[in-house]
């Protein structure tokens, strides 16, 4: 019985430490805010981290002809889940960033400069 309790305790600790390890599926479509049309070539970056340090993990790329960006990334650690910082950049449009909010459709606004 004591052996069972020791094994159970070790398993519980390991499960607790790994409980936040997960792979996140990121799937967003970026559109023009005024027209609603998909934007191709938007640079999208998802950064994972905590307390202002978003270098723990990242996924980056550009949107395709349908305005879609898709990526997978690990977003956890043994001492708590990471925050996710999403950034969207395209020439002629205002830069957009969001913390812990991964929208299915992201609207970018034209830069009026």
C-alpha atoms as a PDB file:
ATOM      1  CA  UNK A   1       0.000   0.000   0.000  1.00  0.00           C
ATOM      2  CA  UNK A   2       2.856   2.418   0.805  1.00  0.00           C
ATOM      3  CA  UNK A   3       4.387   1.741  -2.616  1.00  0.00           C
ATOM      4  CA  UNK A   4       1.078   2.534  -4.286  1.00  0.00           C
ATOM      5  CA  UNK A   5       0.821   5.841  -2.392  1.00  0.00           C
ATOM      6  CA  UNK A   6       4.384   6.799  -3.378  1.00  0.00           C
ATOM      7  CA  UNK A   7       3.735   5.975  -7.033  1.00  0.00           C
ATOM      8  CA  UNK A   8       0.451   7.877  -6.957  1.00  0.00           C
ATOM      9  CA  UNK A   9       2.145  10.913  -5.324  1.00  0.00           C
ATOM     10  CA  UNK A  10       4.930  10.979  -7.932  1.00  0.00           C
ATOM     11  CA  UNK A  11       2.406  10.641 -10.763  1.00  0.00           C
ATOM     12  CA  UNK A  12       0.289  13.467  -9.311  1.00  0.00           C
ATOM     13  CA  UNK A  13       3.288  15.814  -9.049  1.00  0.00           C
ATOM     14  CA  UNK A  14       4.370  15.038 -12.626  1.00  0.00           C
ATOM     15  CA  UNK A  15       0.827  15.526 -13.908  1.00  0.00           C
ATOM     16  CA  UNK A  16       0.571  18.844 -12.059  1.00  0.00           C
ATOM     17  CA  UNK A  17       3.869  20.146 -13.440  1.00  0.00           C
ATOM     18  CA  UNK A  18       2.974  19.174 -16.998  1.00  0.00           C
ATOM     19  CA  UNK A  19      -0.683  20.156 -16.823  1.00  0.00           C
ATOM     20  CA  UNK A  20      -0.272  23.398 -18.729  1.00  0.00           C
ATOM     21  CA  UNK A  21       1.891  21.987 -21.539  1.00  0.00           C
ATOM     22  CA  UNK A  22      -0.243  22.171 -24.628  1.00  0.00           C
ATOM     23  CA  UNK A  23       0.019  22.754 -28.311  1.00  0.00           C
ATOM     24  CA  UNK A  24      -2.100  25.663 -29.487  1.00  0.00           C
ATOM     25  CA  UNK A  25      -3.663  25.744 -32.925  1.00  0.00           C
ATOM     26  CA  UNK A  26      -3.767  29.300 -34.227  1.00  0.00           C
ATOM     27  CA  UNK A  27      -6.072  29.962 -37.173  1.00  0.00           C
ATOM     28  CA  UNK A  28      -6.932  33.553 -38.076  1.00  0.00           C
ATOM     29  CA  UNK A  29      -8.228  35.354 -41.140  1.00  0.00           C
ATOM     30  CA  UNK A  30      -7.124  38.964 -41.624  1.00  0.00           C
ATOM     31  CA  UNK A  31      -9.455  41.311 -43.499  1.00  0.00           C
ATOM     32  CA  UNK A  32      -9.594  44.983 -44.462  1.00  0.00           C
ATOM     33  CA  UNK A  33     -11.740  46.755 -41.869  1.00  0.00           C
ATOM     34  CA  UNK A  34     -13.547  48.913 -44.450  1.00  0.00           C
ATOM     35  CA  UNK A  35     -14.180  46.390 -47.230  1.00  0.00           C
ATOM     36  CA  UNK A  36     -14.190  43.089 -45.323  1.00  0.00           C
ATOM     37  CA  UNK A  37     -12.009  41.590 -48.057  1.00  0.00           C
ATOM     38  CA  UNK A  38      -9.216  39.148 -47.086  1.00  0.00           C
ATOM     39  CA  UNK A  39      -5.699  40.599 -46.925  1.00  0.00           C
ATOM     40  CA  UNK A  40      -2.863  38.592 -48.444  1.00  0.00           C
ATOM     41  CA  UNK A  41       0.713  39.119 -47.236  1.00  0.00           C
ATOM     42  CA  UNK A  42      -0.011  40.281 -43.681  1.00  0.00           C
ATOM     43  CA  UNK A  43       2.901  39.362 -41.387  1.00  0.00           C
ATOM     44  CA  UNK A  44       1.418  37.602 -38.367  1.00  0.00           C
ATOM     45  CA  UNK A  45       3.441  36.701 -35.284  1.00  0.00           C
ATOM     46  CA  UNK A  46       2.283  34.840 -32.198  1.00  0.00           C
ATOM     47  CA  UNK A  47       4.644  35.164 -29.230  1.00  0.00           C
ATOM     48  CA  UNK A  48       4.441  33.208 -25.976  1.00  0.00           C
ATOM     49  CA  UNK A  49       5.906  34.330 -22.665  1.00  0.00           C
ATOM     50  CA  UNK A  50       5.335  36.013 -19.330  1.00  0.00           C
ATOM     51  CA  UNK A  51       6.026  39.323 -17.637  1.00  0.00           C
ATOM     52  CA  UNK A  52       7.054  41.160 -20.811  1.00  0.00           C
ATOM     53  CA  UNK A  53       9.421  38.413 -22.001  1.00  0.00           C
ATOM     54  CA  UNK A  54       7.750  36.977 -25.097  1.00  0.00           C
ATOM     55  CA  UNK A  55      10.716  34.927 -26.305  1.00  0.00           C
ATOM     56  CA  UNK A  56       9.649  31.554 -24.883  1.00  0.00           C
ATOM     57  CA  UNK A  57       8.080  30.396 -28.138  1.00  0.00           C
ATOM     58  CA  UNK A  58       6.716  31.925 -31.306  1.00  0.00           C
ATOM     59  CA  UNK A  59       5.124  31.205 -34.644  1.00  0.00           C
ATOM     60  CA  UNK A  60       5.246  33.595 -37.580  1.00  0.00           C
ATOM     61  CA  UNK A  61       4.351  33.824 -41.239  1.00  0.00           C
ATOM     62  CA  UNK A  62       2.215  35.654 -43.753  1.00  0.00           C
ATOM     63  CA  UNK A  63      -1.414  35.315 -44.690  1.00  0.00           C
ATOM     64  CA  UNK A  64      -2.306  33.503 -47.909  1.00  0.00           C
ATOM     65  CA  UNK A  65      -4.632  34.657 -50.716  1.00  0.00           C
ATOM     66  CA  UNK A  66      -7.660  34.003 -48.494  1.00  0.00           C
ATOM     67  CA  UNK A  67      -6.201  36.134 -45.671  1.00  0.00           C
ATOM     68  CA  UNK A  68      -5.585  33.022 -43.576  1.00  0.00           C
ATOM     69  CA  UNK A  69      -2.664  32.367 -41.215  1.00  0.00           C
ATOM     70  CA  UNK A  70      -2.320  28.990 -39.501  1.00  0.00           C
ATOM     71  CA  UNK A  71       0.288  27.778 -37.037  1.00  0.00           C
ATOM     72  CA  UNK A  72       0.867  25.457 -34.092  1.00  0.00           C
ATOM     73  CA  UNK A  73       2.959  26.289 -31.035  1.00  0.00           C
ATOM     74  CA  UNK A  74       3.568  25.083 -27.487  1.00  0.00           C
ATOM     75  CA  UNK A  75       2.089  27.515 -24.986  1.00  0.00           C
ATOM     76  CA  UNK A  76       2.711  26.130 -21.530  1.00  0.00           C
ATOM     77  CA  UNK A  77       5.341  25.598 -18.916  1.00  0.00           C
ATOM     78  CA  UNK A  78       5.598  23.806 -15.623  1.00  0.00           C
ATOM     79  CA  UNK A  79       5.084  27.002 -13.641  1.00  0.00           C
ATOM     80  CA  UNK A  80       1.999  28.382 -15.378  1.00  0.00           C
ATOM     81  CA  UNK A  81       0.595  29.062 -18.794  1.00  0.00           C
ATOM     82  CA  UNK A  82       2.193  31.660 -21.032  1.00  0.00           C
ATOM     83  CA  UNK A  83       0.506  34.810 -22.228  1.00  0.00           C
ATOM     84  CA  UNK A  84       0.047  35.003 -26.006  1.00  0.00           C
ATOM     85  CA  UNK A  85       0.891  38.231 -27.836  1.00  0.00           C
ATOM     86  CA  UNK A  86      -0.478  38.403 -31.386  1.00  0.00           C
ATOM     87  CA  UNK A  87       0.940  40.998 -33.810  1.00  0.00           C
ATOM     88  CA  UNK A  88      -0.270  41.933 -37.308  1.00  0.00           C
ATOM     89  CA  UNK A  89       1.765  44.062 -39.772  1.00  0.00           C
ATOM     90  CA  UNK A  90       1.183  45.072 -43.402  1.00  0.00           C
ATOM     91  CA  UNK A  91       2.412  48.063 -45.395  1.00  0.00           C
ATOM     92  CA  UNK A  92      -0.350  50.623 -45.800  1.00  0.00           C
ATOM     93  CA  UNK A  93      -2.198  49.402 -42.689  1.00  0.00           C
ATOM     94  CA  UNK A  94      -1.975  50.297 -38.999  1.00  0.00           C
ATOM     95  CA  UNK A  95      -0.027  47.865 -36.815  1.00  0.00           C
ATOM     96  CA  UNK A  96      -2.258  45.808 -34.523  1.00  0.00           C
ATOM     97  CA  UNK A  97      -1.393  43.776 -31.440  1.00  0.00           C
ATOM     98  CA  UNK A  98      -3.547  41.840 -28.982  1.00  0.00           C
ATOM     99  CA  UNK A  99      -2.733  40.108 -25.724  1.00  0.00           C
ATOM    100  CA  UNK A 100      -4.379  36.765 -24.898  1.00  0.00           C
ATOM    101  CA  UNK A 101      -7.025  37.313 -27.545  1.00  0.00           C
ATOM    102  CA  UNK A 102      -6.868  35.215 -30.671  1.00  0.00           C
ATOM    103  CA  UNK A 103      -9.762  36.253 -32.843  1.00  0.00           C
ATOM    104  CA  UNK A 104     -10.952  34.129 -35.745  1.00  0.00           C
ATOM    105  CA  UNK A 105     -11.267  37.256 -37.907  1.00  0.00           C
ATOM    106  CA  UNK A 106      -8.902  40.192 -37.432  1.00  0.00           C
ATOM    107  CA  UNK A 107      -9.680  43.556 -39.001  1.00  0.00           C
ATOM    108  CA  UNK A 108      -6.824  45.826 -40.071  1.00  0.00           C
ATOM    109  CA  UNK A 109      -7.418  49.503 -40.626  1.00  0.00           C
ATOM    110  CA  UNK A 110      -5.788  51.392 -43.508  1.00  0.00           C
ATOM    111  CA  UNK A 111      -3.107  53.917 -42.542  1.00  0.00           C
ATOM    112  CA  UNK A 112      -4.403  57.295 -43.717  1.00  0.00           C
ATOM    113  CA  UNK A 113      -0.920  58.885 -43.862  1.00  0.00           C
END
